[in-house]
Protein backbone atom coordinates (compact mmCIF):
# COMPACT_ATOMS: atom_id res chain seq x y z
CA UNK A 1 41.61 72.67 83.23
CA UNK A 2 43.90 69.66 82.66
CA UNK A 3 41.86 67.08 83.26
CA UNK A 4 38.31 67.41 81.62
CA UNK A 5 36.05 64.44 81.15
CA UNK A 6 37.87 63.05 78.06
CA UNK A 7 40.59 62.26 80.37
CA UNK A 8 38.66 61.34 83.67
CA UNK A 9 36.91 58.47 81.84
CA UNK A 10 40.59 56.69 81.31
CA UNK A 11 41.21 57.28 85.28
CA UNK A 12 40.78 53.86 87.18
CA UNK A 13 37.72 53.94 89.76
CA UNK A 14 40.79 53.06 92.57
CA UNK A 15 42.96 56.24 92.02
CA UNK A 16 42.64 59.50 93.82
CA UNK A 17 42.90 62.67 92.02
CA UNK A 18 44.59 65.72 94.03
CA UNK A 19 43.98 68.94 92.36
CA UNK A 20 45.96 71.48 93.85
CA UNK A 21 45.15 74.07 90.97
CA UNK A 22 44.27 77.75 92.49
CA UNK A 23 41.15 78.99 91.30
CA UNK A 24 38.27 76.59 89.32
CA UNK A 25 41.09 73.98 89.56
CA UNK A 26 42.74 71.52 86.81
CA UNK A 27 40.41 68.76 86.77
CA UNK A 28 36.26 68.70 85.97
CA UNK A 29 34.95 68.23 89.33
CA UNK A 30 31.47 67.40 87.47
CA UNK A 31 32.86 64.85 85.15
CA UNK A 32 34.55 63.35 88.22
CA UNK A 33 31.82 63.08 90.05
CA UNK A 34 29.28 61.65 87.58
CA UNK A 35 32.28 59.06 86.97
CA UNK A 36 32.47 58.04 90.48
CA UNK A 37 36.16 59.03 90.59
CA UNK A 38 37.54 60.14 94.22
CA UNK A 39 38.53 63.72 93.59
CA UNK A 40 39.85 65.90 96.59
CA UNK A 41 40.34 69.74 95.81
CA UNK A 42 43.20 71.35 97.62
CA UNK A 43 43.65 74.81 96.49
CA UNK A 44 45.17 75.78 99.86
CA UNK A 45 48.55 74.16 99.78
CA UNK A 46 51.26 76.62 98.96
CA UNK A 47 53.17 75.06 95.48
CA UNK A 48 52.59 78.53 94.07
CA UNK A 49 55.10 79.66 96.44
CA UNK A 50 56.77 76.86 96.88
CA UNK A 51 56.17 73.82 94.53
CA UNK A 52 59.17 71.45 94.99
CA UNK A 53 58.87 71.73 99.46
CA UNK A 54 54.90 71.35 99.17
CA UNK A 55 55.31 68.48 96.33
CA UNK A 56 57.38 66.31 98.76
CA UNK A 57 55.22 67.03 101.97
CA UNK A 58 52.35 65.87 99.82
CA UNK A 59 54.27 62.61 98.21
CA UNK A 60 55.40 61.75 102.46
CA UNK A 61 51.75 62.43 103.69
CA UNK A 62 50.34 59.98 101.07
CA UNK A 63 53.48 57.62 101.24
CA UNK A 64 52.46 57.31 104.92
CA UNK A 65 49.04 56.81 104.59
CA UNK A 66 49.34 54.25 102.00
CA UNK A 67 52.34 52.27 103.56
């Protein structure tokens, strides 16, 4: 786990965390919930097989929503 409670305490409340890791994930969901952070688990993205393309598609989508 990369984003544990200690790390998540430093995240701004306005941030949105997309957990792309498979299996148990890379972020502590319970800690994120307790800290009232926006965390979305997206383990179904094909990052394992095409990480660059997946990152480009996700970045394009996020930019289209935010801009």
